[in-house]
PDB file of N, CA and C in Angstrom:
ATOM      1  N   UNK A   1      88.200 110.525  31.560  1.00  0.00           N
ATOM      2  CA  UNK A   1      88.261 111.660  32.443  1.00  0.00           C
ATOM      3  C   UNK A   1      88.401 112.741  31.124  1.00  0.00           C
ATOM      4  N   UNK A   2      87.397 113.770  31.035  1.00  0.00           N
ATOM      5  CA  UNK A   2      88.323 115.309  30.466  1.00  0.00           C
ATOM      6  C   UNK A   2      89.600 115.736  30.416  1.00  0.00           C
ATOM      7  N   UNK A   3      90.223 115.884  29.698  1.00  0.00           N
ATOM      8  CA  UNK A   3      91.192 116.846  30.507  1.00  0.00           C
ATOM      9  C   UNK A   3      91.652 118.424  30.231  1.00  0.00           C
ATOM     10  N   UNK A   4      90.051 118.778  30.050  1.00  0.00           N
ATOM     11  CA  UNK A   4      89.362 120.046  30.283  1.00  0.00           C
ATOM     12  C   UNK A   4      88.222 119.969  30.468  1.00  0.00           C
ATOM     13  N   UNK A   5      87.556 121.150  32.094  1.00  0.00           N
ATOM     14  CA  UNK A   5      86.084 122.017  32.128  1.00  0.00           C
ATOM     15  C   UNK A   5      85.833 122.007  30.923  1.00  0.00           C
ATOM     16  N   UNK A   6      84.272 122.533  31.301  1.00  0.00           N
ATOM     17  CA  UNK A   6      83.594 123.042  30.225  1.00  0.00           C
ATOM     18  C   UNK A   6      83.871 125.007  30.809  1.00  0.00           C
ATOM     19  N   UNK A   7      84.260 125.492  30.004  1.00  0.00           N
ATOM     20  CA  UNK A   7      84.070 126.605  29.402  1.00  0.00           C
ATOM     21  C   UNK A   7      85.712 127.023  29.798  1.00  0.00           C
ATOM     22  N   UNK A   8      86.409 126.309  29.135  1.00  0.00           N
ATOM     23  CA  UNK A   8      88.403 126.331  29.296  1.00  0.00           C
ATOM     24  C   UNK A   8      88.411 126.105  27.473  1.00  0.00           C
ATOM     25  N   UNK A   9      89.264 127.285  27.424  1.00  0.00           N
ATOM     26  CA  UNK A   9      89.374 127.766  26.090  1.00  0.00           C
ATOM     27  C   UNK A   9      90.899 126.128  25.839  1.00  0.00           C
ATOM     28  N   UNK A  10      90.594 126.047  24.580  1.00  0.00           N
ATOM     29  CA  UNK A  10      91.699 124.595  24.457  1.00  0.00           C
ATOM     30  C   UNK A  10      91.894 124.813  23.001  1.00  0.00           C
ATOM     31  N   UNK A  11      93.435 125.126  23.105  1.00  0.00           N
ATOM     32  CA  UNK A  11      94.634 125.302  22.004  1.00  0.00           C
ATOM     33  C   UNK A  11      95.282 124.197  21.563  1.00  0.00           C
ATOM     34  N   UNK A  12      94.053 123.988  20.509  1.00  0.00           N
ATOM     35  CA  UNK A  12      94.277 122.832  19.717  1.00  0.00           C
ATOM     36  C   UNK A  12      95.875 122.294  19.256  1.00  0.00           C
ATOM     37  N   UNK A  13      96.673 123.486  18.532  1.00  0.00           N
ATOM     38  CA  UNK A  13      97.940 123.507  18.457  1.00  0.00           C
ATOM     39  C   UNK A  13      98.304 123.268  19.000  1.00  0.00           C
ATOM     40  N   UNK A  14      98.414 124.170  20.489  1.00  0.00           N
ATOM     41  CA  UNK A  14      99.145 123.396  21.224  1.00  0.00           C
ATOM     42  C   UNK A  14      99.412 121.988  21.994  1.00  0.00           C
ATOM     43  N   UNK A  15      98.264 122.057  22.204  1.00  0.00           N
ATOM     44  CA  UNK A  15      97.839 120.130  22.782  1.00  0.00           C
ATOM     45  C   UNK A  15      98.686 119.659  21.679  1.00  0.00           C
ATOM     46  N   UNK A  16      98.252 119.754  20.221  1.00  0.00           N
ATOM     47  CA  UNK A  16      99.005 118.160  19.895  1.00  0.00           C
ATOM     48  C   UNK A  16     100.413 118.699  19.463  1.00  0.00           C
ATOM     49  N   UNK A  17     100.948 119.986  19.991  1.00  0.00           N
ATOM     50  CA  UNK A  17     102.503 120.099  19.748  1.00  0.00           C
ATOM     51  C   UNK A  17     102.952 118.998  20.831  1.00  0.00           C
ATOM     52  N   UNK A  18     102.661 119.302  21.747  1.00  0.00           N
ATOM     53  CA  UNK A  18     102.752 118.428  22.899  1.00  0.00           C
ATOM     54  C   UNK A  18     103.023 116.804  23.105  1.00  0.00           C
ATOM     55  N   UNK A  19     102.422 116.064  21.636  1.00  0.00           N
ATOM     56  CA  UNK A  19     102.692 115.123  21.637  1.00  0.00           C
ATOM     57  C   UNK A  19     103.810 114.277  21.393  1.00  0.00           C
ATOM     58  N   UNK A  20     104.524 113.932  21.719  1.00  0.00           N
ATOM     59  CA  UNK A  20     106.172 112.980  21.599  1.00  0.00           C
ATOM     60  C   UNK A  20     106.203 111.893  20.715  1.00  0.00           C
ATOM     61  N   UNK A  21     104.951 110.973  21.803  1.00  0.00           N
ATOM     62  CA  UNK A  21     105.078 109.475  21.204  1.00  0.00           C
ATOM     63  C   UNK A  21     104.407 109.554  19.670  1.00  0.00           C
ATOM     64  N   UNK A  22     104.635 108.355  18.909  1.00  0.00           N
ATOM     65  CA  UNK A  22     103.555 108.245  18.086  1.00  0.00           C
ATOM     66  C   UNK A  22     102.314 107.603  18.246  1.00  0.00           C
ATOM     67  N   UNK A  23     101.723 107.325  19.467  1.00  0.00           N
ATOM     68  CA  UNK A  23     100.378 107.207  19.265  1.00  0.00           C
ATOM     69  C   UNK A  23     100.069 107.791  21.118  1.00  0.00           C
ATOM     70  N   UNK A  24      98.537 108.782  20.620  1.00  0.00           N
ATOM     71  CA  UNK A  24      98.050 108.719  21.822  1.00  0.00           C
ATOM     72  C   UNK A  24      96.634 109.888  21.069  1.00  0.00           C
ATOM     73  N   UNK A  25      95.391 109.054  22.249  1.00  0.00           N
ATOM     74  CA  UNK A  25      94.059 109.591  22.334  1.00  0.00           C
ATOM     75  C   UNK A  25      93.714 109.512  23.215  1.00  0.00           C
ATOM     76  N   UNK A  26      93.071 111.196  23.645  1.00  0.00           N
ATOM     77  CA  UNK A  26      92.820 111.268  25.182  1.00  0.00           C
ATOM     78  C   UNK A  26      91.764 112.190  25.014  1.00  0.00           C
ATOM     79  N   UNK A  27      90.568 112.415  26.054  1.00  0.00           N
ATOM     80  CA  UNK A  27      89.013 113.053  25.628  1.00  0.00           C
ATOM     81  C   UNK A  27      90.173 114.635  25.674  1.00  0.00           C
ATOM     82  N   UNK A  28      89.979 115.398  25.602  1.00  0.00           N
ATOM     83  CA  UNK A  28      89.616 116.913  25.549  1.00  0.00           C
ATOM     84  C   UNK A  28      88.656 117.650  26.819  1.00  0.00           C
ATOM     85  N   UNK A  29      87.659 117.209  26.230  1.00  0.00           N
ATOM     86  CA  UNK A  29      86.160 117.822  26.617  1.00  0.00           C
ATOM     87  C   UNK A  29      85.239 117.211  26.687  1.00  0.00           C
ATOM     88  N   UNK A  30      84.567 117.210  28.004  1.00  0.00           N
ATOM     89  CA  UNK A  30      83.101 116.397  27.329  1.00  0.00           C
ATOM     90  C   UNK A  30      82.073 117.678  27.312  1.00  0.00           C
ATOM     91  N   UNK A  31      81.396 117.052  25.873  1.00  0.00           N
ATOM     92  CA  UNK A  31      80.202 117.696  25.531  1.00  0.00           C
ATOM     93  C   UNK A  31      78.745 116.999  25.682  1.00  0.00           C
ATOM     94  N   UNK A  32      77.872 118.024  26.540  1.00  0.00           N
ATOM     95  CA  UNK A  32      76.938 116.634  26.755  1.00  0.00           C
ATOM     96  C   UNK A  32      76.941 115.373  27.811  1.00  0.00           C
ATOM     97  N   UNK A  33      76.536 114.157  26.934  1.00  0.00           N
ATOM     98  CA  UNK A  33      77.068 112.759  26.574  1.00  0.00           C
ATOM     99  C   UNK A  33      77.935 112.475  25.618  1.00  0.00           C
ATOM    100  N   UNK A  34      78.815 113.300  25.050  1.00  0.00           N
ATOM    101  CA  UNK A  34      79.216 113.332  24.153  1.00  0.00           C
ATOM    102  C   UNK A  34      80.740 113.844  24.831  1.00  0.00           C
ATOM    103  N   UNK A  35      82.006 113.215  24.147  1.00  0.00           N
ATOM    104  CA  UNK A  35      83.344 113.706  24.532  1.00  0.00           C
ATOM    105  C   UNK A  35      83.875 114.585  23.234  1.00  0.00           C
ATOM    106  N   UNK A  36      84.627 115.091  23.105  1.00  0.00           N
ATOM    107  CA  UNK A  36      85.865 115.388  22.247  1.00  0.00           C
ATOM    108  C   UNK A  36      87.552 115.417  22.436  1.00  0.00           C
ATOM    109  N   UNK A  37      87.595 114.504  21.393  1.00  0.00           N
ATOM    110  CA  UNK A  37      89.236 113.101  21.430  1.00  0.00           C
ATOM    111  C   UNK A  37      90.093 113.893  20.834  1.00  0.00           C
ATOM    112  N   UNK A  38      91.475 113.744  21.119  1.00  0.00           N
ATOM    113  CA  UNK A  38      92.308 114.900  20.528  1.00  0.00           C
ATOM    114  C   UNK A  38      93.754 113.331  19.547  1.00  0.00           C
ATOM    115  N   UNK A  39      92.833 112.499  18.698  1.00  0.00           N
ATOM    116  CA  UNK A  39      93.823 111.385  18.348  1.00  0.00           C
ATOM    117  C   UNK A  39      95.231 111.647  17.566  1.00  0.00           C
ATOM    118  N   UNK A  40      96.454 111.802  18.205  1.00  0.00           N
ATOM    119  CA  UNK A  40      97.807 112.310  17.555  1.00  0.00           C
ATOM    120  C   UNK A  40      98.728 110.388  16.795  1.00  0.00           C
ATOM    121  N   UNK A  41      98.370 110.613  16.001  1.00  0.00           N
ATOM    122  CA  UNK A  41      99.072 109.013  15.651  1.00  0.00           C
ATOM    123  C   UNK A  41      99.382 109.171  14.019  1.00  0.00           C
ATOM    124  N   UNK A  42     100.740 107.923  14.312  1.00  0.00           N
ATOM    125  CA  UNK A  42     100.992 107.598  12.560  1.00  0.00           C
ATOM    126  C   UNK A  42     100.653 105.753  13.209  1.00  0.00           C
ATOM    127  N   UNK A  43     100.554 105.480  11.696  1.00  0.00           N
ATOM    128  CA  UNK A  43     100.710 104.259  11.263  1.00  0.00           C
ATOM    129  C   UNK A  43      99.317 103.989  11.426  1.00  0.00           C
ATOM    130  N   UNK A  44      99.156 101.945  11.889  1.00  0.00           N
ATOM    131  CA  UNK A  44      97.549 101.757  11.630  1.00  0.00           C
ATOM    132  C   UNK A  44      96.854 101.280  12.680  1.00  0.00           C
ATOM    133  N   UNK A  45      95.133 101.796  13.138  1.00  0.00           N
ATOM    134  CA  UNK A  45      94.995 101.112  14.717  1.00  0.00           C
ATOM    135  C   UNK A  45      94.139  99.889  14.464  1.00  0.00           C
ATOM    136  N   UNK A  46      93.782  99.283  14.857  1.00  0.00           N
ATOM    137  CA  UNK A  46      93.639  97.687  14.545  1.00  0.00           C
ATOM    138  C   UNK A  46      91.744  97.914  14.104  1.00  0.00           C
ATOM    139  N   UNK A  47      91.076  97.077  13.439  1.00  0.00           N
ATOM    140  CA  UNK A  47      90.020  96.787  13.576  1.00  0.00           C
ATOM    141  C   UNK A  47      88.679  96.722  14.054  1.00  0.00           C
ATOM    142  N   UNK A  48      88.374  97.965  14.317  1.00  0.00           N
ATOM    143  CA  UNK A  48      87.194  97.773  16.107  1.00  0.00           C
ATOM    144  C   UNK A  48      85.710  98.267  14.899  1.00  0.00           C
ATOM    145  N   UNK A  49      84.969  98.682  16.377  1.00  0.00           N
ATOM    146  CA  UNK A  49      83.645  98.905  15.827  1.00  0.00           C
ATOM    147  C   UNK A  49      83.178  99.561  17.009  1.00  0.00           C
ATOM    148  N   UNK A  50      81.929 100.845  17.202  1.00  0.00           N
ATOM    149  CA  UNK A  50      81.671 101.610  18.040  1.00  0.00           C
ATOM    150  C   UNK A  50      80.337 100.561  17.389  1.00  0.00           C
ATOM    151  N   UNK A  51      79.776  99.354  19.040  1.00  0.00           N
ATOM    152  CA  UNK A  51      78.091  99.573  18.713  1.00  0.00           C
ATOM    153  C   UNK A  51      77.204 100.383  19.597  1.00  0.00           C
ATOM    154  N   UNK A  52      77.120 101.079  20.049  1.00  0.00           N
ATOM    155  CA  UNK A  52      76.530 102.132  20.686  1.00  0.00           C
ATOM    156  C   UNK A  52      77.124 103.467  20.300  1.00  0.00           C
ATOM    157  N   UNK A  53      77.695 103.923  19.179  1.00  0.00           N
ATOM    158  CA  UNK A  53      77.805 105.353  18.950  1.00  0.00           C
ATOM    159  C   UNK A  53      78.786 105.704  17.220  1.00  0.00           C
ATOM    160  N   UNK A  54      78.130 106.566  16.989  1.00  0.00           N
ATOM    161  CA  UNK A  54      78.707 107.509  16.121  1.00  0.00           C
ATOM    162  C   UNK A  54      79.626 107.778  16.148  1.00  0.00           C
ATOM    163  N   UNK A  55      80.950 107.789  15.273  1.00  0.00           N
ATOM    164  CA  UNK A  55      81.780 108.409  15.492  1.00  0.00           C
ATOM    165  C   UNK A  55      82.527 109.811  14.748  1.00  0.00           C
ATOM    166  N   UNK A  56      82.498 110.681  14.893  1.00  0.00           N
ATOM    167  CA  UNK A  56      82.702 111.617  13.963  1.00  0.00           C
ATOM    168  C   UNK A  56      84.201 111.628  13.758  1.00  0.00           C
ATOM    169  N   UNK A  57      84.888 112.615  12.926  1.00  0.00           N
ATOM    170  CA  UNK A  57      86.575 112.253  12.072  1.00  0.00           C
ATOM    171  C   UNK A  57      87.027 114.212  11.756  1.00  0.00           C
ATOM    172  N   UNK A  58      87.418 114.563  12.702  1.00  0.00           N
ATOM    173  CA  UNK A  58      88.012 115.796  11.477  1.00  0.00           C
ATOM    174  C   UNK A  58      89.227 116.046  11.773  1.00  0.00           C
ATOM    175  N   UNK A  59      89.851 115.961  10.436  1.00  0.00           N
ATOM    176  CA  UNK A  59      91.222 115.446  10.678  1.00  0.00           C
ATOM    177  C   UNK A  59      91.707 117.051  10.723  1.00  0.00           C
ATOM    178  N   UNK A  60      92.743 117.505  11.494  1.00  0.00           N
ATOM    179  CA  UNK A  60      93.199 119.048  11.745  1.00  0.00           C
ATOM    180  C   UNK A  60      94.943 118.734  11.060  1.00  0.00           C
ATOM    181  N   UNK A  61      95.075 117.923  11.493  1.00  0.00           N
ATOM    182  CA  UNK A  61      96.949 118.184  10.144  1.00  0.00           C
ATOM    183  C   UNK A  61      96.861 116.781   9.909  1.00  0.00           C
ATOM    184  N   UNK A  62      97.773 116.367   8.481  1.00  0.00           N
ATOM    185  CA  UNK A  62      97.881 115.180   8.239  1.00  0.00           C
ATOM    186  C   UNK A  62      96.510 115.037   6.941  1.00  0.00           C
ATOM    187  N   UNK A  63      97.312 113.496   7.133  1.00  0.00           N
ATOM    188  CA  UNK A  63      95.995 112.250   5.777  1.00  0.00           C
ATOM    189  C   UNK A  63      95.384 111.219   6.910  1.00  0.00           C
ATOM    190  N   UNK A  64      94.504 111.083   6.825  1.00  0.00           N
ATOM    191  CA  UNK A  64      93.609 110.078   7.840  1.00  0.00           C
ATOM    192  C   UNK A  64      93.180 108.643   6.720  1.00  0.00           C
ATOM    193  N   UNK A  65      93.511 107.692   6.678  1.00  0.00           N
ATOM    194  CA  UNK A  65      92.324 107.309   5.427  1.00  0.00           C
ATOM    195  C   UNK A  65      91.557 106.310   6.595  1.00  0.00           C
ATOM    196  N   UNK A  66      90.476 105.862   6.662  1.00  0.00           N
ATOM    197  CA  UNK A  66      89.437 104.681   7.356  1.00  0.00           C
ATOM    198  C   UNK A  66      89.011 103.848   6.195  1.00  0.00           C
ATOM    199  N   UNK A  67      89.444 102.619   6.565  1.00  0.00           N
ATOM    200  CA  UNK A  67      89.413 102.055   6.319  1.00  0.00           C
ATOM    201  C   UNK A  67      88.052 101.005   6.225  1.00  0.00           C
ATOM    202  N   UNK A  68      87.077 100.493   5.718  1.00  0.00           N
ATOM    203  CA  UNK A  68      85.957  99.494   6.225  1.00  0.00           C
ATOM    204  C   UNK A  68      85.599  98.294   5.425  1.00  0.00           C
ATOM    205  N   UNK A  69      85.196  98.011   6.200  1.00  0.00           N
ATOM    206  CA  UNK A  69      84.946  96.241   6.081  1.00  0.00           C
ATOM    207  C   UNK A  69      84.309  96.072   4.825  1.00  0.00           C
ATOM    208  N   UNK A  70      84.702  95.196   4.576  1.00  0.00           N
ATOM    209  CA  UNK A  70      83.863  94.561   2.769  1.00  0.00           C
ATOM    210  C   UNK A  70      85.504  95.659   1.547  1.00  0.00           C
ATOM    211  N   UNK A  71      85.768  96.657   2.223  1.00  0.00           N
ATOM    212  CA  UNK A  71      86.597  96.733   1.172  1.00  0.00           C
ATOM    213  C   UNK A  71      87.106  98.346   0.600  1.00  0.00           C
ATOM    214  N   UNK A  72      86.323  99.486   1.265  1.00  0.00           N
ATOM    215  CA  UNK A  72      85.859 100.883   0.515  1.00  0.00           C
ATOM    216  C   UNK A  72      87.007 101.696   1.765  1.00  0.00           C
ATOM    217  N   UNK A  73      87.229 102.884   1.596  1.00  0.00           N
ATOM    218  CA  UNK A  73      88.150 102.988   2.378  1.00  0.00           C
ATOM    219  C   UNK A  73      87.979 104.753   1.358  1.00  0.00           C
ATOM    220  N   UNK A  74      87.902 105.745   2.759  1.00  0.00           N
ATOM    221  CA  UNK A  74      87.354 106.796   2.721  1.00  0.00           C
ATOM    222  C   UNK A  74      88.884 108.100   3.066  1.00  0.00           C
ATOM    223  N   UNK A  75      89.223 108.562   2.173  1.00  0.00           N
ATOM    224  CA  UNK A  75      90.642 109.138   3.271  1.00  0.00           C
ATOM    225  C   UNK A  75      90.213 110.675   3.414  1.00  0.00           C
ATOM    226  N   UNK A  76      90.357 111.028   4.187  1.00  0.00           N
ATOM    227  CA  UNK A  76      89.932 112.672   4.741  1.00  0.00           C
ATOM    228  C   UNK A  76      91.898 113.628   4.754  1.00  0.00           C
ATOM    229  N   UNK A  77      91.877 114.550   4.520  1.00  0.00           N
ATOM    230  CA  UNK A  77      92.762 115.533   4.799  1.00  0.00           C
ATOM    231  C   UNK A  77      92.574 116.758   5.374  1.00  0.00           C
ATOM    232  N   UNK A  78      93.548 117.512   5.877  1.00  0.00           N
ATOM    233  CA  UNK A  78      93.043 118.457   6.202  1.00  0.00           C
ATOM    234  C   UNK A  78      92.019 119.410   6.271  1.00  0.00           C
ATOM    235  N   UNK A  79      91.395 119.567   7.845  1.00  0.00           N
ATOM    236  CA  UNK A  79      89.489 119.750   7.490  1.00  0.00           C
ATOM    237  C   UNK A  79      88.622 119.147   6.872  1.00  0.00           C
ATOM    238  N   UNK A  80      88.937 118.378   6.698  1.00  0.00           N
ATOM    239  CA  UNK A  80      87.807 117.220   6.558  1.00  0.00           C
ATOM    240  C   UNK A  80      87.104 116.337   7.493  1.00  0.00           C
ATOM    241  N   UNK A  81      85.787 116.368   7.255  1.00  0.00           N
ATOM    242  CA  UNK A  81      85.211 115.383   8.762  1.00  0.00           C
ATOM    243  C   UNK A  81      84.993 114.084   7.324  1.00  0.00           C
ATOM    244  N   UNK A  82      84.358 113.702   8.466  1.00  0.00           N
ATOM    245  CA  UNK A  82      83.084 111.888   8.263  1.00  0.00           C
ATOM    246  C   UNK A  82      82.514 111.593   9.138  1.00  0.00           C
ATOM    247  N   UNK A  83      81.126 111.216   9.497  1.00  0.00           N
ATOM    248  CA  UNK A  83      81.102 110.567  10.476  1.00  0.00           C
ATOM    249  C   UNK A  83      81.032 108.413  10.088  1.00  0.00           C
ATOM    250  N   UNK A  84      81.247 107.659  10.925  1.00  0.00           N
ATOM    251  CA  UNK A  84      81.417 106.485  10.272  1.00  0.00           C
ATOM    252  C   UNK A  84      79.756 105.566  11.839  1.00  0.00           C
ATOM    253  N   UNK A  85      79.115 105.175  10.959  1.00  0.00           N
ATOM    254  CA  UNK A  85      78.088 105.435  11.974  1.00  0.00           C
ATOM    255  C   UNK A  85      77.963 104.022  13.043  1.00  0.00           C
ATOM    256  N   UNK A  86      77.893 103.813  13.951  1.00  0.00           N
ATOM    257  CA  UNK A  86      78.034 103.180  15.022  1.00  0.00           C
ATOM    258  C   UNK A  86      77.745 101.697  14.309  1.00  0.00           C
ATOM    259  N   UNK A  87      78.380 101.211  14.961  1.00  0.00           N
ATOM    260  CA  UNK A  87      78.469  99.069  14.483  1.00  0.00           C
ATOM    261  C   UNK A  87      79.101  99.373  12.937  1.00  0.00           C
ATOM    262  N   UNK A  88      79.484  99.898  12.959  1.00  0.00           N
ATOM    263  CA  UNK A  88      80.550  99.910  11.019  1.00  0.00           C
ATOM    264  C   UNK A  88      81.564  99.278  11.825  1.00  0.00           C
ATOM    265  N   UNK A  89      82.242  98.791  11.298  1.00  0.00           N
ATOM    266  CA  UNK A  89      83.466  97.905  11.514  1.00  0.00           C
ATOM    267  C   UNK A  89      84.391  98.854  10.992  1.00  0.00           C
ATOM    268  N   UNK A  90      85.533  99.307  10.534  1.00  0.00           N
ATOM    269  CA  UNK A  90      86.902 100.344  10.059  1.00  0.00           C
ATOM    270  C   UNK A  90      88.520 100.684  10.737  1.00  0.00           C
ATOM    271  N   UNK A  91      89.025 100.469  10.444  1.00  0.00           N
ATOM    272  CA  UNK A  91      90.227 101.107  10.934  1.00  0.00           C
ATOM    273  C   UNK A  91      90.659 102.420  10.014  1.00  0.00           C
ATOM    274  N   UNK A  92      91.659 103.027  11.482  1.00  0.00           N
ATOM    275  CA  UNK A  92      91.629 104.305  10.273  1.00  0.00           C
ATOM    276  C   UNK A  92      93.845 103.854  10.668  1.00  0.00           C
ATOM    277  N   UNK A  93      94.129 104.783   9.670  1.00  0.00           N
ATOM    278  CA  UNK A  93      95.676 104.855   9.214  1.00  0.00           C
ATOM    279  C   UNK A  93      95.961 106.010   8.614  1.00  0.00           C
ATOM    280  N   UNK A  94      96.602 106.383   9.376  1.00  0.00           N
ATOM    281  CA  UNK A  94      97.496 107.689   9.008  1.00  0.00           C
ATOM    282  C   UNK A  94      98.976 107.719   8.276  1.00  0.00           C
ATOM    283  N   UNK A  95      98.729 108.275   7.341  1.00  0.00           N
ATOM    284  CA  UNK A  95      99.211 108.568   6.637  1.00  0.00           C
ATOM    285  C   UNK A  95     100.604 110.236   6.710  1.00  0.00           C
ATOM    286  N   UNK A  96     101.370 109.391   7.173  1.00  0.00           N
ATOM    287  CA  UNK A  96     102.649 110.479   8.332  1.00  0.00           C
ATOM    288  C   UNK A  96     102.413 110.572   9.557  1.00  0.00           C
ATOM    289  N   UNK A  97     102.209 111.426  10.547  1.00  0.00           N
ATOM    290  CA  UNK A  97     101.764 112.106  11.503  1.00  0.00           C
ATOM    291  C   UNK A  97     100.015 112.786  10.835  1.00  0.00           C
ATOM    292  N   UNK A  98      99.407 112.212  12.314  1.00  0.00           N
ATOM    293  CA  UNK A  98      97.926 113.220  11.117  1.00  0.00           C
ATOM    294  C   UNK A  98      97.186 113.331  12.766  1.00  0.00           C
ATOM    295  N   UNK A  99      97.288 114.199  12.780  1.00  0.00           N
ATOM    296  CA  UNK A  99      95.947 114.716  14.024  1.00  0.00           C
ATOM    297  C   UNK A  99      94.460 115.114  13.750  1.00  0.00           C
ATOM    298  N   UNK A 100      93.720 114.085  14.661  1.00  0.00           N
ATOM    299  CA  UNK A 100      92.164 114.670  14.165  1.00  0.00           C
ATOM    300  C   UNK A 100      91.466 114.674  15.580  1.00  0.00           C
ATOM    301  N   UNK A 101      90.539 115.267  15.498  1.00  0.00           N
ATOM    302  CA  UNK A 101      89.872 115.611  16.966  1.00  0.00           C
ATOM    303  C   UNK A 101      88.320 114.018  16.018  1.00  0.00           C
ATOM    304  N   UNK A 102      88.244 114.160  17.757  1.00  0.00           N
ATOM    305  CA  UNK A 102      86.634 112.506  17.052  1.00  0.00           C
ATOM    306  C   UNK A 102      86.141 112.877  17.691  1.00  0.00           C
ATOM    307  N   UNK A 103      84.733 112.762  17.992  1.00  0.00           N
ATOM    308  CA  UNK A 103      83.500 112.863  18.401  1.00  0.00           C
ATOM    309  C   UNK A 103      82.756 111.913  19.281  1.00  0.00           C
ATOM    310  N   UNK A 104      82.422 111.586  20.147  1.00  0.00           N
ATOM    311  CA  UNK A 104      81.829 109.855  19.984  1.00  0.00           C
ATOM    312  C   UNK A 104      81.231 109.871  21.299  1.00  0.00           C
ATOM    313  N   UNK A 105      80.195 109.536  22.106  1.00  0.00           N
ATOM    314  CA  UNK A 105      79.122 109.053  22.894  1.00  0.00           C
ATOM    315  C   UNK A 105      80.294 108.958  23.825  1.00  0.00           C
ATOM    316  N   UNK A 106      80.126 109.443  24.929  1.00  0.00           N
ATOM    317  CA  UNK A 106      81.230 109.236  26.370  1.00  0.00           C
ATOM    318  C   UNK A 106      81.295 107.435  26.890  1.00  0.00           C
ATOM    319  N   UNK A 107      82.785 107.249  27.205  1.00  0.00           N
ATOM    320  CA  UNK A 107      82.365 106.013  27.322  1.00  0.00           C
ATOM    321  C   UNK A 107      81.746 105.031  26.122  1.00  0.00           C
ATOM    322  N   UNK A 108      82.163 105.039  24.778  1.00  0.00           N
ATOM    323  CA  UNK A 108      81.614 104.106  24.226  1.00  0.00           C
ATOM    324  C   UNK A 108      82.662 102.772  24.043  1.00  0.00           C
ATOM    325  N   UNK A 109      81.659 101.856  24.195  1.00  0.00           N
ATOM    326  CA  UNK A 109      82.449 100.320  24.029  1.00  0.00           C
ATOM    327  C   UNK A 109      83.243 100.509  22.875  1.00  0.00           C
ATOM    328  N   UNK A 110      84.280 100.182  22.958  1.00  0.00           N
ATOM    329  CA  UNK A 110      85.444  99.979  21.201  1.00  0.00           C
ATOM    330  C   UNK A 110      85.549  98.129  21.551  1.00  0.00           C
ATOM    331  N   UNK A 111      84.619  97.634  20.073  1.00  0.00           N
ATOM    332  CA  UNK A 111      84.914  96.250  20.127  1.00  0.00           C
ATOM    333  C   UNK A 111      86.073  95.595  19.102  1.00  0.00           C
ATOM    334  N   UNK A 112      87.053  95.703  18.920  1.00  0.00           N
ATOM    335  CA  UNK A 112      88.430  95.144  18.157  1.00  0.00           C
ATOM    336  C   UNK A 112      87.941  93.565  17.279  1.00  0.00           C
ATOM    337  N   UNK A 113      87.613  94.135  16.366  1.00  0.00           N
ATOM    338  CA  UNK A 113      87.975  92.518  15.138  1.00  0.00           C
ATOM    339  C   UNK A 113      88.871  91.157  14.657  1.00  0.00           C
ATOM    340  N   UNK A 114      89.252  90.417  14.570  1.00  0.00           N
ATOM    341  CA  UNK A 114      90.355  90.737  13.632  1.00  0.00           C
ATOM    342  C   UNK A 114      90.355  91.047  11.845  1.00  0.00           C
ATOM    343  N   UNK A 115      91.265  90.917  11.643  1.00  0.00           N
ATOM    344  CA  UNK A 115      91.757  91.212  10.001  1.00  0.00           C
ATOM    345  C   UNK A 115      90.321  91.729   9.682  1.00  0.00           C
ATOM    346  N   UNK A 116      89.759  92.230   8.831  1.00  0.00           N
ATOM    347  CA  UNK A 116      89.093  92.573   7.945  1.00  0.00           C
ATOM    348  C   UNK A 116      89.403  92.423   6.582  1.00  0.00           C
ATOM    349  N   UNK A 117      88.937  91.723   5.538  1.00  0.00           N
ATOM    350  CA  UNK A 117      89.774  91.601   3.797  1.00  0.00           C
ATOM    351  C   UNK A 117      88.487  92.680   3.312  1.00  0.00           C
TER     352      UNK A 117
END
């Protein structure tokens, strides 16, 4: 469920400043058949993939590392972005407190996988 309706002005700085826990990932707004999420977190997220949706990451604060199955790692700093194609096994790791916007299909399936080398 989106936190804000269409036509609402969303203050991303204010949204992320409200987060006091070490992990929050919430849908801010729906856009057609996609949604924009705000993720604020520290540490690493589990290995997973989205079989039916690409996932766009845009870092607005901090540093985000995205590990890919096979050993490659993508590092994003503030105002850098990347698209992870549907079906790509990956995990995200925040270096310190990291804030990123993610766009993906609404209700995109997340399939968790065992640790990858």
